[in-house]
């Protein structure tokens, strides 16, 4: 055999796979990327794994269960075994990533529950409206970063269902009042209209905490997908599009 360690047991790749619960294909992959390589080879080129290789494989598996990438695992197992600060930094970063994933799972859970409530209602959900809701979930991913979506979800949870419903009711009232001004052709510098738009923006700020990037993302989404977002609302899509344009004109005239 080719290798330095002349004592202890040896395992073929198949034996190591059976003993560790890792597939042969995975062991081949680990060998290719240098994560776990057989320390020895027979004269005919067959891999032979030593006890040290087995311990390295166990470390890789343990770190893998924590969700670390293979690249991150390689950095850890190749580093000094007593470099605890480096290990702590890796685990801190992984914990933060798991926290973000947990928040995202929580947000998706609420979305799925909302969709299921449509089935639990007295009337069967309209297929087109139901699919539109699903489409809008993916649209959010195209305009809001994960951090922004998590922030919005946290803010809704902080406000609570009663406050969210109150805001929704007031928003509907503002839509009606502002559409009346759109129909009447009220000047965009009218004091009353400016006050209504300030209230509109304040209502939105209650959910995105005044974050300008989140606010701009919401406006872009409405501008690009106003027709789809207006489905299910009591106002035609073209009227909502006119309202969005009117709001922008009022803001620019300030």
Protein backbone atom coordinates (compact mmCIF):
# COMPACT_ATOMS: atom_id res chain seq x y z
CA UNK A 1 0.00 0.00 0.00
CA UNK A 2 1.02 3.59 -0.63
CA UNK A 3 0.78 5.70 2.54
CA UNK A 4 2.49 6.66 5.77
CA UNK A 5 0.30 5.11 8.47
CA UNK A 6 1.25 1.46 8.78
CA UNK A 7 -0.97 0.64 11.77
CA UNK A 8 -4.71 0.37 12.33
CA UNK A 9 -7.56 -0.89 10.18
CA UNK A 10 -8.15 0.02 6.57
CA UNK A 11 -11.44 0.41 4.73
CA UNK A 12 -12.27 0.17 1.05
CA UNK A 13 -14.57 2.88 -0.26
CA UNK A 14 -17.52 0.48 -0.14
CA UNK A 15 -16.75 -0.56 3.43
CA UNK A 16 -16.40 3.07 4.52
CA UNK A 17 -19.71 3.92 2.87
CA UNK A 18 -21.51 1.13 4.72
CA UNK A 19 -19.83 1.93 8.04
CA UNK A 20 -20.50 5.69 7.91
CA UNK A 21 -23.86 5.83 6.15
CA UNK A 22 -22.44 7.92 3.31
CA UNK A 23 -22.98 6.80 -0.27
CA UNK A 24 -20.08 5.72 -2.46
CA UNK A 25 -20.97 8.50 -4.89
CA UNK A 26 -20.66 11.06 -2.09
CA UNK A 27 -17.26 9.67 -1.08
CA UNK A 28 -16.09 9.92 -4.69
CA UNK A 29 -17.26 13.53 -4.75
CA UNK A 30 -15.52 14.33 -1.47
CA UNK A 31 -12.35 12.84 -2.91
CA UNK A 32 -12.61 14.89 -6.11
CA UNK A 33 -12.94 18.19 -4.23
CA UNK A 34 -10.30 17.28 -1.67
CA UNK A 35 -12.66 17.22 1.29
CA UNK A 36 -12.08 13.60 2.34
CA UNK A 37 -9.39 11.71 0.44
CA UNK A 38 -8.13 8.22 1.02
CA UNK A 39 -4.70 8.41 2.65
CA UNK A 40 -3.53 5.24 0.93
CA UNK A 41 -3.76 3.42 -2.36
CA UNK A 42 -3.05 -0.20 -3.15
CA UNK A 43 -0.50 -1.07 -5.80
CA UNK A 44 -3.41 -1.44 -8.22
CA UNK A 45 -4.72 2.04 -7.35
CA UNK A 46 -7.67 1.14 -5.10
CA UNK A 47 -8.48 3.55 -2.29
CA UNK A 48 -7.84 2.58 1.31
CA UNK A 49 -9.14 4.78 4.10
CA UNK A 50 -7.39 5.00 7.48
CA UNK A 51 -8.77 5.79 10.93
CA UNK A 52 -7.67 9.41 10.43
CA UNK A 53 -9.73 9.57 7.22
CA UNK A 54 -12.70 8.13 9.08
CA UNK A 55 -12.44 10.78 11.80
CA UNK A 56 -12.24 13.50 9.15
CA UNK A 57 -15.36 12.10 7.48
CA UNK A 58 -17.23 12.15 10.81
CA UNK A 59 -16.26 15.81 11.30
CA UNK A 60 -17.49 16.62 7.79
CA UNK A 61 -20.81 14.88 8.46
CA UNK A 62 -21.25 16.66 11.80
CA UNK A 63 -20.65 20.07 10.23
CA UNK A 64 -22.91 19.19 7.31
CA UNK A 65 -25.81 18.61 9.71
CA UNK A 66 -25.38 22.24 10.83
CA UNK A 67 -26.10 23.37 7.29
CA UNK A 68 -22.60 24.53 6.38
CA UNK A 69 -21.57 24.46 2.73
CA UNK A 70 -18.88 22.02 1.61
CA UNK A 71 -16.53 24.97 1.03
CA UNK A 72 -17.07 26.21 4.59
CA UNK A 73 -16.58 22.70 5.94
CA UNK A 74 -13.33 22.38 4.02
CA UNK A 75 -12.02 25.58 5.60
CA UNK A 76 -12.90 24.29 9.07
CA UNK A 77 -11.45 20.79 8.79
CA UNK A 78 -8.32 22.06 7.04
CA UNK A 79 -7.71 24.67 9.73
CA UNK A 80 -5.92 24.23 12.99
CA UNK A 81 -7.95 21.89 15.26
CA UNK A 82 -7.60 24.32 18.18
CA UNK A 83 -8.65 27.44 16.23
CA UNK A 84 -11.84 27.95 18.19
CA UNK A 85 -12.28 31.65 17.27
CA UNK A 86 -12.43 30.73 13.59
CA UNK A 87 -14.92 27.97 14.33
CA UNK A 88 -17.04 30.37 16.36
CA UNK A 89 -17.08 32.87 13.48
CA UNK A 90 -18.30 30.16 11.10
CA UNK A 91 -21.03 29.06 13.52
CA UNK A 92 -22.11 32.66 14.21
CA UNK A 93 -22.53 33.24 10.48
CA UNK A 94 -24.44 29.97 10.12
CA UNK A 95 -26.72 30.85 13.03
CA UNK A 96 -27.59 34.18 11.39
CA UNK A 97 -28.36 32.42 8.11
CA UNK A 98 -30.58 29.91 9.92
CA UNK A 99 -32.38 32.81 11.62
CA UNK A 100 -33.12 34.40 8.23
CA UNK A 101 -34.29 31.07 6.86
CA UNK A 102 -36.54 30.62 9.88
CA UNK A 103 -38.13 34.01 9.30
CA UNK A 104 -38.65 33.22 5.64
CA UNK A 105 -40.23 29.87 6.51
CA UNK A 106 -42.51 31.67 8.96
CA UNK A 107 -43.55 34.15 6.28
CA UNK A 108 -44.23 31.40 3.74
CA UNK A 109 -46.19 29.50 6.39
CA UNK A 110 -48.46 32.51 6.85
CA UNK A 111 -48.90 32.80 3.08
CA UNK A 112 -49.89 29.15 2.79
CA UNK A 113 -52.30 29.48 5.72
CA UNK A 114 -53.88 32.48 4.00
CA UNK A 115 -54.31 30.46 0.82
CA UNK A 116 -55.83 27.55 2.77
CA UNK A 117 -58.30 29.92 4.43
CA UNK A 118 -59.68 30.61 0.97
CA UNK A 119 -60.64 26.94 0.76
CA UNK A 120 -62.15 26.98 4.25
CA UNK A 121 -64.53 29.83 3.40
CA UNK A 122 -68.15 29.43 2.48
CA UNK A 123 -67.46 29.87 -1.23
CA UNK A 124 -64.91 27.97 -3.28
CA UNK A 125 -62.07 30.34 -4.30
CA UNK A 126 -62.10 31.60 -7.86
CA UNK A 127 -59.31 29.69 -9.71
CA UNK A 128 -58.03 32.81 -11.48
CA UNK A 129 -57.86 34.86 -8.29
CA UNK A 130 -56.26 31.98 -6.43
CA UNK A 131 -53.52 31.58 -9.05
CA UNK A 132 -53.03 35.35 -9.08
CA UNK A 133 -52.32 35.20 -5.35
CA UNK A 134 -49.68 32.54 -5.98
CA UNK A 135 -48.18 34.63 -8.76
CA UNK A 136 -48.01 37.69 -6.51
CA UNK A 137 -46.01 35.72 -3.95
CA UNK A 138 -43.32 35.19 -6.59
CA UNK A 139 -43.60 38.82 -7.73
CA UNK A 140 -42.64 39.93 -4.21
CA UNK A 141 -39.37 38.03 -4.57
CA UNK A 142 -38.60 40.02 -7.70
CA UNK A 143 -38.88 43.43 -6.01
CA UNK A 144 -38.13 43.00 -2.33
CA UNK A 145 -34.94 41.52 -0.96
CA UNK A 146 -35.31 38.71 1.54
CA UNK A 147 -34.31 41.13 4.29
CA UNK A 148 -37.02 43.59 3.22
CA UNK A 149 -39.67 40.84 3.09
CA UNK A 150 -38.64 39.65 6.55
CA UNK A 151 -38.79 43.24 7.81
CA UNK A 152 -42.30 43.70 6.43
CA UNK A 153 -43.43 40.42 7.97
CA UNK A 154 -42.00 41.36 11.35
CA UNK A 155 -43.67 44.74 11.21
CA UNK A 156 -47.07 43.20 10.43
CA UNK A 157 -46.62 40.84 13.35
CA UNK A 158 -45.68 43.75 15.63
CA UNK A 159 -48.72 45.78 14.60
CA UNK A 160 -51.08 42.87 15.09
CA UNK A 161 -54.22 41.83 13.16
CA UNK A 162 -56.42 44.63 14.53
CA UNK A 163 -54.02 47.41 13.51
CA UNK A 164 -53.46 45.81 10.10
CA UNK A 165 -57.22 45.65 9.50
CA UNK A 166 -57.63 49.28 10.60
CA UNK A 167 -54.88 50.33 8.19
CA UNK A 168 -56.50 48.34 5.37
CA UNK A 169 -59.84 50.04 6.01
CA UNK A 170 -58.27 53.49 6.04
CA UNK A 171 -56.31 52.71 2.89
CA UNK A 172 -59.54 51.80 1.11
CA UNK A 173 -61.00 55.11 2.26
CA UNK A 174 -58.00 57.01 0.94
CA UNK A 175 -58.29 55.25 -2.41
CA UNK A 176 -61.90 56.44 -2.71
CA UNK A 177 -61.09 60.02 -1.70
CA UNK A 178 -58.09 60.32 -3.99
CA UNK A 179 -59.87 58.75 -6.96
CA UNK A 180 -62.53 61.40 -6.59
CA UNK A 181 -59.80 64.02 -7.02
CA UNK A 182 -58.41 62.14 -10.02
CA UNK A 183 -61.86 62.18 -11.62
CA UNK A 184 -62.34 65.85 -10.78
CA UNK A 185 -58.93 66.80 -12.15
CA UNK A 186 -57.89 68.46 -8.88
CA UNK A 187 -54.55 70.23 -9.19
CA UNK A 188 -51.64 68.23 -7.80
CA UNK A 189 -50.57 71.17 -5.62
CA UNK A 190 -53.96 71.37 -3.90
CA UNK A 191 -53.49 71.51 -0.11
CA UNK A 192 -56.21 68.96 0.57
CA UNK A 193 -54.78 66.50 -1.92
CA UNK A 194 -51.28 66.95 -0.47
CA UNK A 195 -52.61 66.12 2.98
CA UNK A 196 -54.29 62.96 1.70
CA UNK A 197 -51.06 61.84 0.01
CA UNK A 198 -49.09 62.55 3.19
CA UNK A 199 -51.52 60.33 5.07
CA UNK A 200 -51.19 57.69 2.34
CA UNK A 201 -47.39 57.70 2.65
CA UNK A 202 -47.57 57.67 6.45
CA UNK A 203 -49.82 54.62 6.28
CA UNK A 204 -47.22 52.84 4.18
CA UNK A 205 -44.41 53.95 6.48
CA UNK A 206 -46.15 52.20 9.36
CA UNK A 207 -45.37 48.92 7.59
CA UNK A 208 -41.94 49.57 6.09
CA UNK A 209 -40.74 51.81 8.95
CA UNK A 210 -39.86 54.62 6.56
CA UNK A 211 -37.21 52.60 4.73
CA UNK A 212 -36.80 54.41 1.41
CA UNK A 213 -35.55 51.37 -0.49
CA UNK A 214 -38.52 49.27 0.60
CA UNK A 215 -40.86 52.12 -0.28
CA UNK A 216 -39.33 52.49 -3.73
CA UNK A 217 -39.54 48.73 -4.29
CA UNK A 218 -43.26 48.83 -3.47
CA UNK A 219 -43.82 51.69 -5.93
CA UNK A 220 -41.94 49.90 -8.70
CA UNK A 221 -43.98 46.77 -8.09
CA UNK A 222 -47.25 48.74 -8.38
CA UNK A 223 -46.06 50.50 -11.52
CA UNK A 224 -45.05 47.22 -13.20
CA UNK A 225 -47.84 44.97 -11.93
CA UNK A 226 -50.70 47.33 -11.16
CA UNK A 227 -53.15 45.31 -13.26
CA UNK A 228 -52.40 42.09 -11.42
CA UNK A 229 -52.28 43.71 -8.00
CA UNK A 230 -55.64 45.36 -8.63
CA UNK A 231 -57.42 42.07 -9.18
CA UNK A 232 -59.84 41.43 -6.36
CA UNK A 233 -60.02 45.14 -5.49
CA UNK A 234 -63.31 47.00 -5.94
CA UNK A 235 -61.72 49.45 -8.39
CA UNK A 236 -60.83 48.73 -12.03
CA UNK A 237 -57.16 48.27 -12.82
CA UNK A 238 -57.07 51.35 -15.07
CA UNK A 239 -58.38 53.55 -12.26
CA UNK A 240 -55.75 52.22 -9.84
CA UNK A 241 -53.09 52.86 -12.47
CA UNK A 242 -54.34 56.43 -12.82
CA UNK A 243 -54.25 56.82 -9.05
CA UNK A 244 -50.64 55.60 -8.83
CA UNK A 245 -49.64 58.13 -11.50
CA UNK A 246 -51.54 60.90 -9.70
CA UNK A 247 -49.78 60.10 -6.41
CA UNK A 248 -46.40 60.44 -8.08
CA UNK A 249 -47.34 63.79 -9.58
CA UNK A 250 -48.43 65.09 -6.17
CA UNK A 251 -45.17 63.93 -4.55
CA UNK A 252 -43.08 65.59 -7.29
CA UNK A 253 -45.03 68.84 -6.91
CA UNK A 254 -44.23 69.17 -3.21
